[in-house]
């Protein structure tokens, strides 16, 4: 579990644009960018 998991919603910003706004669990399944960011951070 990470600090991100206790958030209600997380905003994903790619290239200066908001591409997603959702709960962490939903982003793990729906956002490739979010999954990649977690992997780079060693959280995934």
N, C-alpha and C. Protein backbone atom coordinates (compact mmCIF):
# COMPACT_ATOMS: atom_id res chain seq x y z
N UNK A 1 0.85 -1.18 0.00
CA UNK A 1 0.00 0.00 0.00
C UNK A 1 0.89 1.24 0.00
N UNK A 2 0.50 2.23 -0.77
CA UNK A 2 1.24 3.49 -0.82
C UNK A 2 0.33 4.63 -0.38
N UNK A 3 0.93 5.79 -0.22
CA UNK A 3 0.16 6.99 0.13
C UNK A 3 -0.91 7.27 -0.91
N UNK A 4 -0.63 6.95 -2.16
CA UNK A 4 -1.61 7.18 -3.23
C UNK A 4 -2.88 6.38 -3.03
N UNK A 5 -2.77 5.22 -2.39
CA UNK A 5 -3.94 4.37 -2.19
C UNK A 5 -4.96 4.95 -1.22
N UNK A 6 -4.55 5.90 -0.38
CA UNK A 6 -5.51 6.48 0.57
C UNK A 6 -6.19 7.73 0.01
N UNK A 7 -5.81 8.12 -1.20
CA UNK A 7 -6.44 9.28 -1.84
C UNK A 7 -7.82 8.90 -2.38
N UNK A 8 -8.74 9.85 -2.32
CA UNK A 8 -10.06 9.63 -2.92
C UNK A 8 -9.98 9.63 -4.43
N UNK A 9 -9.27 10.63 -4.97
CA UNK A 9 -9.10 10.74 -6.42
C UNK A 9 -7.70 11.26 -6.70
N UNK A 10 -7.17 10.88 -7.85
CA UNK A 10 -5.86 11.32 -8.31
C UNK A 10 -6.02 11.90 -9.71
N UNK A 11 -5.35 13.03 -9.94
CA UNK A 11 -5.37 13.66 -11.25
C UNK A 11 -4.09 13.27 -11.99
N UNK A 12 -4.24 12.75 -13.19
CA UNK A 12 -3.10 12.39 -14.03
C UNK A 12 -2.92 13.48 -15.07
N UNK A 13 -1.71 14.05 -15.13
CA UNK A 13 -1.41 15.11 -16.09
C UNK A 13 -0.29 14.62 -17.00
N UNK A 14 -0.57 14.59 -18.29
CA UNK A 14 0.40 14.19 -19.30
C UNK A 14 0.60 15.34 -20.27
N UNK A 15 1.83 15.74 -20.46
CA UNK A 15 2.12 16.81 -21.41
C UNK A 15 1.38 18.10 -21.11
N UNK A 16 1.15 18.38 -19.83
CA UNK A 16 0.47 19.60 -19.43
C UNK A 16 -1.04 19.55 -19.51
N UNK A 17 -1.60 18.40 -19.86
CA UNK A 17 -3.06 18.25 -19.96
C UNK A 17 -3.55 17.17 -19.01
N UNK A 18 -4.69 17.42 -18.38
CA UNK A 18 -5.29 16.41 -17.52
C UNK A 18 -5.87 15.31 -18.39
N UNK A 19 -5.41 14.10 -18.16
CA UNK A 19 -5.88 12.97 -18.97
C UNK A 19 -6.76 12.02 -18.17
N UNK A 20 -6.73 12.13 -16.84
CA UNK A 20 -7.55 11.25 -16.01
C UNK A 20 -7.75 11.87 -14.64
N UNK A 21 -8.90 11.57 -14.05
CA UNK A 21 -9.22 11.97 -12.68
C UNK A 21 -10.11 10.88 -12.12
N UNK A 22 -9.53 10.05 -11.23
CA UNK A 22 -10.30 8.90 -10.75
C UNK A 22 -9.66 8.36 -9.47
N UNK A 23 -10.29 7.35 -8.91
CA UNK A 23 -9.77 6.66 -7.73
C UNK A 23 -8.52 5.86 -8.12
N UNK A 24 -7.61 5.66 -7.18
CA UNK A 24 -6.38 4.92 -7.50
C UNK A 24 -6.62 3.55 -8.13
N UNK A 25 -7.58 2.80 -7.62
CA UNK A 25 -7.85 1.47 -8.18
C UNK A 25 -8.31 1.53 -9.62
N UNK A 26 -9.14 2.50 -9.93
CA UNK A 26 -9.63 2.66 -11.30
C UNK A 26 -8.49 3.08 -12.23
N UNK A 27 -7.62 3.95 -11.74
CA UNK A 27 -6.50 4.39 -12.57
C UNK A 27 -5.53 3.26 -12.85
N UNK A 28 -5.35 2.37 -11.88
CA UNK A 28 -4.45 1.22 -12.10
C UNK A 28 -4.94 0.37 -13.28
N UNK A 29 -6.23 0.28 -13.47
CA UNK A 29 -6.73 -0.53 -14.57
C UNK A 29 -6.96 0.27 -15.85
N UNK A 30 -7.21 1.57 -15.73
CA UNK A 30 -7.60 2.37 -16.90
C UNK A 30 -6.50 3.24 -17.49
N UNK A 31 -5.49 3.60 -16.71
CA UNK A 31 -4.49 4.56 -17.18
C UNK A 31 -3.11 3.92 -17.31
N UNK A 32 -2.67 3.75 -18.54
CA UNK A 32 -1.34 3.20 -18.79
C UNK A 32 -0.26 4.12 -18.21
N UNK A 33 -0.46 5.43 -18.34
CA UNK A 33 0.50 6.40 -17.80
C UNK A 33 0.64 6.22 -16.29
N UNK A 34 -0.47 6.07 -15.58
CA UNK A 34 -0.46 5.89 -14.12
C UNK A 34 0.25 4.59 -13.75
N UNK A 35 -0.05 3.51 -14.45
CA UNK A 35 0.62 2.23 -14.18
C UNK A 35 2.12 2.34 -14.39
N UNK A 36 2.53 3.01 -15.46
CA UNK A 36 3.95 3.19 -15.74
C UNK A 36 4.62 4.04 -14.66
N UNK A 37 3.94 5.09 -14.21
CA UNK A 37 4.49 5.94 -13.15
C UNK A 37 4.67 5.15 -11.86
N UNK A 38 3.71 4.29 -11.53
CA UNK A 38 3.84 3.45 -10.34
C UNK A 38 5.01 2.48 -10.47
N UNK A 39 5.18 1.92 -11.66
CA UNK A 39 6.28 0.99 -11.89
C UNK A 39 7.63 1.68 -11.73
N UNK A 40 7.76 2.87 -12.28
CA UNK A 40 9.01 3.63 -12.18
C UNK A 40 9.31 3.96 -10.72
N UNK A 41 8.26 4.26 -9.95
CA UNK A 41 8.42 4.60 -8.53
C UNK A 41 8.62 3.36 -7.67
N UNK A 42 8.49 2.17 -8.25
CA UNK A 42 8.66 0.94 -7.51
C UNK A 42 7.46 0.59 -6.65
N UNK A 43 6.28 1.13 -6.99
CA UNK A 43 5.06 0.91 -6.21
C UNK A 43 4.22 -0.21 -6.82
N UNK A 44 4.30 -0.37 -8.12
CA UNK A 44 3.43 -1.33 -8.82
C UNK A 44 3.70 -2.75 -8.43
